Full PDB file with SEQRES, HELIX, SHEET, SSBOND, CRYST1, ORIGX, SCALE, CONECT and MASTER records, all heavy atoms in Angstrom:
SEQRES   1 A   40  LEU ALA VAL SER ASN ALA SER PHE GLN ALA ALA TYR GLY          
SEQRES   2 A   40  ALA LEU ARG ARG GLY GLY THR LEU VAL LEU VAL ALA LEU          
SEQRES   3 A   40  PRO ALA GLY GLY LYS LEU GLU LEU PRO VAL PHE GLU THR          
SEQRES   4 A   40  VAL                                                          
HELIX    1 AA1 ASN A    5  ALA A   14  1                                  10    
HELIX    2 AA2 VAL A   36  THR A   39  1                                   4    
CRYST1    1.000    1.000    1.000  90.00  90.00  90.00 P 1           1          
ORIGX1      1.000000  0.000000  0.000000        0.00000                         
ORIGX2      0.000000  1.000000  0.000000        0.00000                         
ORIGX3      0.000000  0.000000  1.000000        0.00000                         
SCALE1      1.000000  0.000000  0.000000        0.00000                         
SCALE2      0.000000  1.000000  0.000000        0.00000                         
SCALE3      0.000000  0.000000  1.000000        0.00000                         
ATOM      1  N   LEU A   1       0.769  -1.251   0.028  1.00  0.00           N  
ATOM      2  CA  LEU A   1      -0.004  -0.009   0.028  1.00  0.00           C  
ATOM      3  C   LEU A   1       0.816   1.329   0.053  1.00  0.00           C  
ATOM      4  O   LEU A   1       0.321   2.403  -0.235  1.00  0.00           O  
ATOM      5  CB  LEU A   1      -0.876  -0.001   1.245  1.00  0.00           C  
ATOM      6  CG  LEU A   1      -1.857  -1.166   1.328  1.00  0.00           C  
ATOM      7  CD1 LEU A   1      -2.470  -1.179   2.756  1.00  0.00           C  
ATOM      8  CD2 LEU A   1      -2.865  -1.208   0.245  1.00  0.00           C  
ATOM      9  N   ALA A   2       2.109   1.212   0.241  1.00  0.00           N  
ATOM     10  CA  ALA A   2       2.963   2.318   0.352  1.00  0.00           C  
ATOM     11  C   ALA A   2       3.367   2.692  -1.108  1.00  0.00           C  
ATOM     12  O   ALA A   2       3.575   1.866  -1.868  1.00  0.00           O  
ATOM     13  CB  ALA A   2       4.276   2.022   1.098  1.00  0.00           C  
ATOM     14  N   VAL A   3       3.376   3.989  -1.339  1.00  0.00           N  
ATOM     15  CA  VAL A   3       3.595   4.473  -2.765  1.00  0.00           C  
ATOM     16  C   VAL A   3       5.027   4.587  -2.994  1.00  0.00           C  
ATOM     17  O   VAL A   3       5.620   5.708  -2.966  1.00  0.00           O  
ATOM     18  CB  VAL A   3       2.962   5.944  -2.958  1.00  0.00           C  
ATOM     19  CG1 VAL A   3       3.065   6.335  -4.406  1.00  0.00           C  
ATOM     20  CG2 VAL A   3       1.390   5.796  -2.540  1.00  0.00           C  
ATOM     21  N   SER A   4       5.715   3.482  -3.135  1.00  0.00           N  
ATOM     22  CA  SER A   4       7.131   3.400  -3.141  1.00  0.00           C  
ATOM     23  C   SER A   4       7.602   2.156  -3.893  1.00  0.00           C  
ATOM     24  O   SER A   4       7.160   1.035  -3.383  1.00  0.00           O  
ATOM     25  CB  SER A   4       7.728   3.486  -1.723  1.00  0.00           C  
ATOM     26  OG  SER A   4       8.957   2.962  -1.600  1.00  0.00           O  
ATOM     27  N   ASN A   5       8.444   2.231  -4.805  1.00  0.00           N  
ATOM     28  CA  ASN A   5       8.995   0.952  -5.425  1.00  0.00           C  
ATOM     29  C   ASN A   5       9.760   0.095  -4.503  1.00  0.00           C  
ATOM     30  O   ASN A   5       9.721  -1.111  -4.536  1.00  0.00           O  
ATOM     31  CB  ASN A   5       9.831   1.389  -6.640  1.00  0.00           C  
ATOM     32  CG  ASN A   5       9.023   1.907  -7.764  1.00  0.00           C  
ATOM     33  OD1 ASN A   5       7.801   1.551  -7.918  1.00  0.00           O  
ATOM     34  ND2 ASN A   5       9.676   2.598  -8.746  1.00  0.00           N  
ATOM     35  N   ALA A   6      10.524   0.894  -3.564  1.00  0.00           N  
ATOM     36  CA  ALA A   6      11.359   0.088  -2.645  1.00  0.00           C  
ATOM     37  C   ALA A   6      10.532  -0.691  -1.811  1.00  0.00           C  
ATOM     38  O   ALA A   6      10.896  -1.855  -1.376  1.00  0.00           O  
ATOM     39  CB  ALA A   6      12.283   1.089  -1.920  1.00  0.00           C  
ATOM     40  N   SER A   7       9.285  -0.179  -1.299  1.00  0.00           N  
ATOM     41  CA  SER A   7       8.406  -0.913  -0.408  1.00  0.00           C  
ATOM     42  C   SER A   7       7.952  -2.195  -1.114  1.00  0.00           C  
ATOM     43  O   SER A   7       7.725  -3.185  -0.491  1.00  0.00           O  
ATOM     44  CB  SER A   7       7.339  -0.019   0.043  1.00  0.00           C  
ATOM     45  OG  SER A   7       6.393   0.247  -0.999  1.00  0.00           O  
ATOM     46  N   PHE A   8       7.650  -2.046  -2.426  1.00  0.00           N  
ATOM     47  CA  PHE A   8       7.189  -3.304  -3.252  1.00  0.00           C  
ATOM     48  C   PHE A   8       8.283  -4.362  -3.128  1.00  0.00           C  
ATOM     49  O   PHE A   8       8.039  -5.536  -2.874  1.00  0.00           O  
ATOM     50  CB  PHE A   8       7.045  -2.947  -4.640  1.00  0.00           C  
ATOM     51  CG  PHE A   8       5.809  -1.918  -4.959  1.00  0.00           C  
ATOM     52  CD1 PHE A   8       5.782  -1.327  -6.162  1.00  0.00           C  
ATOM     53  CD2 PHE A   8       4.993  -1.628  -3.942  1.00  0.00           C  
ATOM     54  CE1 PHE A   8       4.760  -0.408  -6.440  1.00  0.00           C  
ATOM     55  CE2 PHE A   8       3.936  -0.647  -4.189  1.00  0.00           C  
ATOM     56  CZ  PHE A   8       3.859  -0.089  -5.486  1.00  0.00           C  
ATOM     57  N   GLN A   9       9.542  -3.958  -3.352  1.00  0.00           N  
ATOM     58  CA  GLN A   9      10.672  -4.916  -3.363  1.00  0.00           C  
ATOM     59  C   GLN A   9      10.788  -5.615  -2.036  1.00  0.00           C  
ATOM     60  O   GLN A   9      11.118  -6.710  -1.877  1.00  0.00           O  
ATOM     61  CB  GLN A   9      11.948  -4.250  -3.745  1.00  0.00           C  
ATOM     62  CG  GLN A   9      12.852  -5.085  -4.472  1.00  0.00           C  
ATOM     63  CD  GLN A   9      12.369  -5.553  -5.902  1.00  0.00           C  
ATOM     64  OE1 GLN A   9      12.053  -4.700  -6.679  1.00  0.00           O  
ATOM     65  NE2 GLN A   9      12.448  -6.760  -6.249  1.00  0.00           N  
ATOM     66  N   ALA A  10      10.646  -4.721  -0.919  1.00  0.00           N  
ATOM     67  CA  ALA A  10      10.802  -5.253   0.460  1.00  0.00           C  
ATOM     68  C   ALA A  10       9.660  -6.214   0.726  1.00  0.00           C  
ATOM     69  O   ALA A  10       9.909  -7.304   1.321  1.00  0.00           O  
ATOM     70  CB  ALA A  10      10.827  -4.127   1.431  1.00  0.00           C  
ATOM     71  N   ALA A  11       8.489  -5.940   0.351  1.00  0.00           N  
ATOM     72  CA  ALA A  11       7.328  -6.844   0.576  1.00  0.00           C  
ATOM     73  C   ALA A  11       7.534  -8.116  -0.167  1.00  0.00           C  
ATOM     74  O   ALA A  11       7.215  -9.194   0.427  1.00  0.00           O  
ATOM     75  CB  ALA A  11       6.068  -6.104   0.120  1.00  0.00           C  
ATOM     76  N   TYR A  12       7.951  -8.109  -1.381  1.00  0.00           N  
ATOM     77  CA  TYR A  12       8.232  -9.298  -2.135  1.00  0.00           C  
ATOM     78  C   TYR A  12       9.290 -10.175  -1.393  1.00  0.00           C  
ATOM     79  O   TYR A  12       9.098 -11.373  -1.187  1.00  0.00           O  
ATOM     80  CB  TYR A  12       8.783  -8.938  -3.496  1.00  0.00           C  
ATOM     81  CG  TYR A  12       9.243 -10.228  -4.380  1.00  0.00           C  
ATOM     82  CD1 TYR A  12       8.228 -10.884  -5.091  1.00  0.00           C  
ATOM     83  CD2 TYR A  12      10.464 -10.585  -4.367  1.00  0.00           C  
ATOM     84  CE1 TYR A  12       8.531 -11.947  -5.856  1.00  0.00           C  
ATOM     85  CE2 TYR A  12      10.821 -11.803  -5.172  1.00  0.00           C  
ATOM     86  CZ  TYR A  12       9.934 -12.486  -5.913  1.00  0.00           C  
ATOM     87  OH  TYR A  12      10.343 -13.522  -6.601  1.00  0.00           O  
ATOM     88  N   GLY A  13      10.363  -9.561  -0.873  1.00  0.00           N  
ATOM     89  CA  GLY A  13      11.407 -10.336  -0.179  1.00  0.00           C  
ATOM     90  C   GLY A  13      10.942 -10.909   1.099  1.00  0.00           C  
ATOM     91  O   GLY A  13      11.542 -11.727   1.669  1.00  0.00           O  
ATOM     92  N   ALA A  14       9.843 -10.292   1.593  1.00  0.00           N  
ATOM     93  CA  ALA A  14       9.351 -10.837   2.866  1.00  0.00           C  
ATOM     94  C   ALA A  14       8.493 -12.136   2.802  1.00  0.00           C  
ATOM     95  O   ALA A  14       8.099 -12.691   3.858  1.00  0.00           O  
ATOM     96  CB  ALA A  14       8.531  -9.692   3.603  1.00  0.00           C  
ATOM     97  N   LEU A  15       8.141 -12.434   1.564  1.00  0.00           N  
ATOM     98  CA  LEU A  15       7.182 -13.578   1.421  1.00  0.00           C  
ATOM     99  C   LEU A  15       7.838 -14.988   1.764  1.00  0.00           C  
ATOM    100  O   LEU A  15       9.012 -15.157   1.425  1.00  0.00           O  
ATOM    101  CB  LEU A  15       6.614 -13.612  -0.070  1.00  0.00           C  
ATOM    102  CG  LEU A  15       5.757 -12.543  -0.469  1.00  0.00           C  
ATOM    103  CD1 LEU A  15       5.507 -12.503  -1.955  1.00  0.00           C  
ATOM    104  CD2 LEU A  15       4.533 -12.488   0.323  1.00  0.00           C  
ATOM    105  N   ARG A  16       7.012 -15.843   2.274  1.00  0.00           N  
ATOM    106  CA  ARG A  16       7.567 -17.219   2.504  1.00  0.00           C  
ATOM    107  C   ARG A  16       7.259 -17.920   1.138  1.00  0.00           C  
ATOM    108  O   ARG A  16       6.677 -17.468   0.317  1.00  0.00           O  
ATOM    109  CB  ARG A  16       6.879 -17.875   3.604  1.00  0.00           C  
ATOM    110  CG  ARG A  16       5.298 -17.967   3.397  1.00  0.00           C  
ATOM    111  CD  ARG A  16       4.594 -18.530   4.644  1.00  0.00           C  
ATOM    112  NE  ARG A  16       4.655 -19.926   4.652  1.00  0.00           N  
ATOM    113  CZ  ARG A  16       4.936 -20.666   5.835  1.00  0.00           C  
ATOM    114  NH1 ARG A  16       5.235 -20.070   6.930  1.00  0.00           N  
ATOM    115  NH2 ARG A  16       5.081 -21.894   5.668  1.00  0.00           N  
ATOM    116  N   ARG A  17       7.751 -19.135   1.015  1.00  0.00           N  
ATOM    117  CA  ARG A  17       7.471 -20.044  -0.179  1.00  0.00           C  
ATOM    118  C   ARG A  17       6.002 -20.076  -0.340  1.00  0.00           C  
ATOM    119  O   ARG A  17       5.277 -20.473   0.722  1.00  0.00           O  
ATOM    120  CB  ARG A  17       8.195 -21.268  -0.161  1.00  0.00           C  
ATOM    121  CG  ARG A  17       9.729 -21.220  -0.134  1.00  0.00           C  
ATOM    122  CD  ARG A  17      10.377 -22.501  -0.344  1.00  0.00           C  
ATOM    123  NE  ARG A  17      11.075 -22.575  -1.638  1.00  0.00           N  
ATOM    124  CZ  ARG A  17      11.526 -23.701  -2.147  1.00  0.00           C  
ATOM    125  NH1 ARG A  17      11.438 -24.881  -1.468  1.00  0.00           N  
ATOM    126  NH2 ARG A  17      12.177 -23.727  -3.275  1.00  0.00           N  
ATOM    127  N   GLY A  18       5.475 -19.937  -1.564  1.00  0.00           N  
ATOM    128  CA  GLY A  18       4.068 -20.003  -1.721  1.00  0.00           C  
ATOM    129  C   GLY A  18       3.337 -18.836  -1.366  1.00  0.00           C  
ATOM    130  O   GLY A  18       2.068 -18.783  -1.555  1.00  0.00           O  
ATOM    131  N   GLY A  19       3.993 -17.688  -0.968  1.00  0.00           N  
ATOM    132  CA  GLY A  19       3.292 -16.561  -0.530  1.00  0.00           C  
ATOM    133  C   GLY A  19       2.728 -15.701  -1.760  1.00  0.00           C  
ATOM    134  O   GLY A  19       3.198 -15.933  -2.867  1.00  0.00           O  
ATOM    135  N   THR A  20       1.931 -14.746  -1.407  1.00  0.00           N  
ATOM    136  CA  THR A  20       1.146 -13.948  -2.307  1.00  0.00           C  
ATOM    137  C   THR A  20       1.517 -12.374  -2.061  1.00  0.00           C  
ATOM    138  O   THR A  20       1.243 -11.987  -0.999  1.00  0.00           O  
ATOM    139  CB  THR A  20      -0.328 -14.178  -2.320  1.00  0.00           C  
ATOM    140  OG1 THR A  20      -0.531 -15.420  -2.723  1.00  0.00           O  
ATOM    141  CG2 THR A  20      -1.023 -13.221  -3.399  1.00  0.00           C  
ATOM    142  N   LEU A  21       2.056 -11.690  -3.130  1.00  0.00           N  
ATOM    143  CA  LEU A  21       2.161 -10.292  -3.097  1.00  0.00           C  
ATOM    144  C   LEU A  21       1.022  -9.555  -3.709  1.00  0.00           C  
ATOM    145  O   LEU A  21       0.859  -9.873  -4.882  1.00  0.00           O  
ATOM    146  CB  LEU A  21       3.495  -9.857  -3.694  1.00  0.00           C  
ATOM    147  CG  LEU A  21       3.709  -8.291  -3.761  1.00  0.00           C  
ATOM    148  CD1 LEU A  21       3.664  -7.595  -2.556  1.00  0.00           C  
ATOM    149  CD2 LEU A  21       5.081  -7.983  -4.512  1.00  0.00           C  
ATOM    150  N   VAL A  22       0.211  -8.740  -3.071  1.00  0.00           N  
ATOM    151  CA  VAL A  22      -0.866  -8.107  -3.551  1.00  0.00           C  
ATOM    152  C   VAL A  22      -0.511  -6.641  -3.851  1.00  0.00           C  
ATOM    153  O   VAL A  22      -0.236  -5.989  -2.813  1.00  0.00           O  
ATOM    154  CB  VAL A  22      -2.165  -8.192  -2.759  1.00  0.00           C  
ATOM    155  CG1 VAL A  22      -3.364  -7.541  -3.403  1.00  0.00           C  
ATOM    156  CG2 VAL A  22      -2.452  -9.619  -2.455  1.00  0.00           C  
ATOM    157  N   LEU A  23      -0.330  -6.179  -5.079  1.00  0.00           N  
ATOM    158  CA  LEU A  23      -0.119  -4.809  -5.357  1.00  0.00           C  
ATOM    159  C   LEU A  23      -1.303  -4.022  -5.486  1.00  0.00           C  
ATOM    160  O   LEU A  23      -2.211  -4.279  -6.174  1.00  0.00           O  
ATOM    161  CB  LEU A  23       0.701  -4.793  -6.757  1.00  0.00           C  
ATOM    162  CG  LEU A  23       2.032  -5.492  -6.786  1.00  0.00           C  
ATOM    163  CD1 LEU A  23       2.455  -5.477  -8.228  1.00  0.00           C  
ATOM    164  CD2 LEU A  23       3.037  -4.902  -5.913  1.00  0.00           C  
ATOM    165  N   VAL A  24      -1.327  -2.801  -4.718  1.00  0.00           N  
ATOM    166  CA  VAL A  24      -2.417  -1.958  -4.574  1.00  0.00           C  
ATOM    167  C   VAL A  24      -2.027  -0.475  -4.901  1.00  0.00           C  
ATOM    168  O   VAL A  24      -2.651   0.132  -5.705  1.00  0.00           O  
ATOM    169  CB  VAL A  24      -3.101  -2.095  -3.221  1.00  0.00           C  
ATOM    170  CG1 VAL A  24      -4.363  -1.113  -3.099  1.00  0.00           C  
ATOM    171  CG2 VAL A  24      -3.659  -3.517  -2.916  1.00  0.00           C  
ATOM    172  N   ALA A  25      -1.027  -0.021  -4.313  1.00  0.00           N  
ATOM    173  CA  ALA A  25      -0.521   1.390  -4.445  1.00  0.00           C  
ATOM    174  C   ALA A  25      -0.094   1.532  -5.873  1.00  0.00           C  
ATOM    175  O   ALA A  25       0.437   0.623  -6.570  1.00  0.00           O  
ATOM    176  CB  ALA A  25       0.617   1.643  -3.579  1.00  0.00           C  
ATOM    177  N   LEU A  26      -0.320   2.666  -6.448  1.00  0.00           N  
ATOM    178  CA  LEU A  26      -0.017   3.087  -7.823  1.00  0.00           C  
ATOM    179  C   LEU A  26       0.896   4.313  -7.919  1.00  0.00           C  
ATOM    180  O   LEU A  26       0.393   5.374  -8.391  1.00  0.00           O  
ATOM    181  CB  LEU A  26      -1.283   3.362  -8.697  1.00  0.00           C  
ATOM    182  CG  LEU A  26      -2.134   2.033  -8.960  1.00  0.00           C  
ATOM    183  CD1 LEU A  26      -3.445   2.431  -9.472  1.00  0.00           C  
ATOM    184  CD2 LEU A  26      -1.327   1.213  -9.942  1.00  0.00           C  
ATOM    185  N   PRO A  27       2.188   4.240  -7.505  1.00  0.00           N  
ATOM    186  CA  PRO A  27       3.049   5.343  -7.670  1.00  0.00           C  
ATOM    187  C   PRO A  27       3.220   5.628  -9.130  1.00  0.00           C  
ATOM    188  O   PRO A  27       3.246   4.765 -10.045  1.00  0.00           O  
ATOM    189  CB  PRO A  27       4.321   4.914  -6.993  1.00  0.00           C  
ATOM    190  CG  PRO A  27       4.313   3.451  -7.180  1.00  0.00           C  
ATOM    191  CD  PRO A  27       2.912   3.056  -6.998  1.00  0.00           C  
ATOM    192  N   ALA A  28       3.435   6.938  -9.445  1.00  0.00           N  
ATOM    193  CA  ALA A  28       3.599   7.314 -10.799  1.00  0.00           C  
ATOM    194  C   ALA A  28       5.094   6.656 -11.321  1.00  0.00           C  
ATOM    195  O   ALA A  28       6.041   6.762 -10.570  1.00  0.00           O  
ATOM    196  CB  ALA A  28       3.835   8.870 -10.981  1.00  0.00           C  
ATOM    197  N   GLY A  29       5.014   5.963 -12.422  1.00  0.00           N  
ATOM    198  CA  GLY A  29       6.159   5.230 -12.806  1.00  0.00           C  
ATOM    199  C   GLY A  29       6.524   4.018 -11.907  1.00  0.00           C  
ATOM    200  O   GLY A  29       7.702   3.690 -11.965  1.00  0.00           O  
ATOM    201  N   GLY A  30       5.549   3.471 -11.295  1.00  0.00           N  
ATOM    202  CA  GLY A  30       5.780   2.370 -10.414  1.00  0.00           C  
ATOM    203  C   GLY A  30       6.288   1.091 -11.034  1.00  0.00           C  
ATOM    204  O   GLY A  30       5.785   0.706 -12.159  1.00  0.00           O  
ATOM    205  N   LYS A  31       7.267   0.462 -10.556  1.00  0.00           N  
ATOM    206  CA  LYS A  31       7.843  -0.740 -11.119  1.00  0.00           C  
ATOM    207  C   LYS A  31       8.231  -1.750 -10.061  1.00  0.00           C  
ATOM    208  O   LYS A  31       8.708  -1.331  -8.998  1.00  0.00           O  
ATOM    209  CB  LYS A  31       9.099  -0.548 -12.031  1.00  0.00           C  
ATOM    210  CG  LYS A  31       8.730   0.290 -13.381  1.00  0.00           C  
ATOM    211  CD  LYS A  31       9.978   0.512 -14.144  1.00  0.00           C  
ATOM    212  CE  LYS A  31       9.698   1.172 -15.538  1.00  0.00           C  
ATOM    213  NZ  LYS A  31      10.824   1.313 -16.438  1.00  0.00           N  
ATOM    214  N   LEU A  32       8.231  -2.984 -10.450  1.00  0.00           N  
ATOM    215  CA  LEU A  32       8.663  -3.981  -9.546  1.00  0.00           C  
ATOM    216  C   LEU A  32       9.483  -5.099 -10.431  1.00  0.00           C  
ATOM    217  O   LEU A  32       8.987  -5.674 -11.357  1.00  0.00           O  
ATOM    218  CB  LEU A  32       7.554  -4.717  -8.845  1.00  0.00           C  
ATOM    219  CG  LEU A  32       7.939  -6.007  -8.026  1.00  0.00           C  
ATOM    220  CD1 LEU A  32       8.734  -5.620  -6.840  1.00  0.00           C  
ATOM    221  CD2 LEU A  32       6.632  -6.748  -7.597  1.00  0.00           C  
ATOM    222  N   GLU A  33      10.808  -5.237 -10.034  1.00  0.00           N  
ATOM    223  CA  GLU A  33      11.611  -6.170 -10.800  1.00  0.00           C  
ATOM    224  C   GLU A  33      11.561  -7.550 -10.094  1.00  0.00           C  
ATOM    225  O   GLU A  33      11.797  -7.605  -8.906  1.00  0.00           O  
ATOM    226  CB  GLU A  33      13.027  -5.649 -10.898  1.00  0.00           C  
ATOM    227  CG  GLU A  33      13.224  -4.458 -11.689  1.00  0.00           C  
ATOM    228  CD  GLU A  33      14.765  -4.119 -11.947  1.00  0.00           C  
ATOM    229  OE1 GLU A  33      15.561  -4.844 -11.433  1.00  0.00           O  
ATOM    230  OE2 GLU A  33      15.028  -3.056 -12.488  1.00  0.00           O  
ATOM    231  N   LEU A  34      11.283  -8.550 -10.811  1.00  0.00           N  
ATOM    232  CA  LEU A  34      10.929  -9.910 -10.273  1.00  0.00           C  
ATOM    233  C   LEU A  34      12.166 -10.810 -10.699  1.00  0.00           C  
ATOM    234  O   LEU A  34      12.489 -10.912 -11.893  1.00  0.00           O  
ATOM    235  CB  LEU A  34       9.761 -10.488 -10.674  1.00  0.00           C  
ATOM    236  CG  LEU A  34       8.532  -9.782 -10.193  1.00  0.00           C  
ATOM    237  CD1 LEU A  34       7.230 -10.502 -10.683  1.00  0.00           C  
ATOM    238  CD2 LEU A  34       8.443  -9.785  -8.695  1.00  0.00           C  
ATOM    239  N   PRO A  35      12.832 -11.526  -9.687  1.00  0.00           N  
ATOM    240  CA  PRO A  35      13.759 -12.501 -10.105  1.00  0.00           C  
ATOM    241  C   PRO A  35      12.966 -13.788 -10.461  1.00  0.00           C  
ATOM    242  O   PRO A  35      12.394 -14.384  -9.769  1.00  0.00           O  
ATOM    243  CB  PRO A  35      14.627 -12.824  -8.907  1.00  0.00           C  
ATOM    244  CG  PRO A  35      13.637 -12.368  -7.715  1.00  0.00           C  
ATOM    245  CD  PRO A  35      12.755 -11.304  -8.303  1.00  0.00           C  
ATOM    246  N   VAL A  36      13.139 -14.045 -11.838  1.00  0.00           N  
ATOM    247  CA  VAL A  36      12.276 -15.257 -12.333  1.00  0.00           C  
ATOM    248  C   VAL A  36      12.602 -16.581 -11.686  1.00  0.00           C  
ATOM    249  O   VAL A  36      11.668 -17.223 -11.286  1.00  0.00           O  
ATOM    250  CB  VAL A  36      12.525 -15.258 -13.946  1.00  0.00           C  
ATOM    251  CG1 VAL A  36      11.726 -16.516 -14.423  1.00  0.00           C  
ATOM    252  CG2 VAL A  36      12.000 -14.085 -14.561  1.00  0.00           C  
ATOM    253  N   PHE A  37      13.887 -16.782 -11.554  1.00  0.00           N  
ATOM    254  CA  PHE A  37      14.266 -18.110 -10.862  1.00  0.00           C  
ATOM    255  C   PHE A  37      13.577 -18.337  -9.549  1.00  0.00           C  
ATOM    256  O   PHE A  37      13.062 -19.233  -9.222  1.00  0.00           O  
ATOM    257  CB  PHE A  37      15.756 -18.291 -10.787  1.00  0.00           C  
ATOM    258  CG  PHE A  37      16.270 -19.444 -10.346  1.00  0.00           C  
ATOM    259  CD1 PHE A  37      16.386 -20.645 -11.123  1.00  0.00           C  
ATOM    260  CD2 PHE A  37      16.630 -19.684  -8.874  1.00  0.00           C  
ATOM    261  CE1 PHE A  37      16.774 -21.881 -10.568  1.00  0.00           C  
ATOM    262  CE2 PHE A  37      17.024 -20.854  -8.468  1.00  0.00           C  
ATOM    263  CZ  PHE A  37      17.085 -22.044  -9.320  1.00  0.00           C  
ATOM    264  N   GLU A  38      13.844 -17.223  -8.634  1.00  0.00           N  
ATOM    265  CA  GLU A  38      13.302 -17.311  -7.315  1.00  0.00           C  
ATOM    266  C   GLU A  38      11.750 -17.360  -7.334  1.00  0.00           C  
ATOM    267  O   GLU A  38      11.095 -18.077  -6.445  1.00  0.00           O  
ATOM    268  CB  GLU A  38      13.784 -16.141  -6.461  1.00  0.00           C  
ATOM    269  CG  GLU A  38      15.292 -16.183  -6.249  1.00  0.00           C  
ATOM    270  CD  GLU A  38      15.655 -14.906  -5.360  1.00  0.00           C  
ATOM    271  OE1 GLU A  38      14.798 -14.248  -4.751  1.00  0.00           O  
ATOM    272  OE2 GLU A  38      16.906 -14.689  -5.372  1.00  0.00           O  
ATOM    273  N   THR A  39      11.064 -16.645  -8.182  1.00  0.00           N  
ATOM    274  CA  THR A  39       9.613 -16.663  -8.217  1.00  0.00           C  
ATOM    275  C   THR A  39       9.062 -17.935  -8.558  1.00  0.00           C  
ATOM    276  O   THR A  39       8.176 -18.362  -7.962  1.00  0.00           O  
ATOM    277  CB  THR A  39       9.207 -15.473  -9.279  1.00  0.00           C  
ATOM    278  OG1 THR A  39       9.757 -14.215  -8.836  1.00  0.00           O  
ATOM    279  CG2 THR A  39       7.658 -15.382  -9.296  1.00  0.00           C  
ATOM    280  N   VAL A  40       9.791 -18.562  -9.529  1.00  0.00           N  
ATOM    281  CA  VAL A  40       9.165 -19.907 -10.047  1.00  0.00           C  
ATOM    282  C   VAL A  40       9.650 -20.862  -8.918  1.00  0.00           C  
ATOM    283  O   VAL A  40       8.708 -21.661  -8.539  1.00  0.00           O  
ATOM    284  CB  VAL A  40       9.865 -20.379 -11.306  1.00  0.00           C  
ATOM    285  CG1 VAL A  40       9.610 -21.743 -11.640  1.00  0.00           C  
ATOM    286  CG2 VAL A  40       9.405 -19.387 -12.453  1.00  0.00           C  
TER     287      VAL A  40                                                      
MASTER        0    0    0    2    0    0    0    6  286    1    0    4          
END                                                                             
């Protein structure tokens, strides 16, 4: 919910295996880089 790309990255890193990140905040130019290997 924080309007911050860094907060998205931190939330992703906090997930346990099988966890779900729900993106809600919409910062201008918002982006989230995902490591494909870890995500899969």
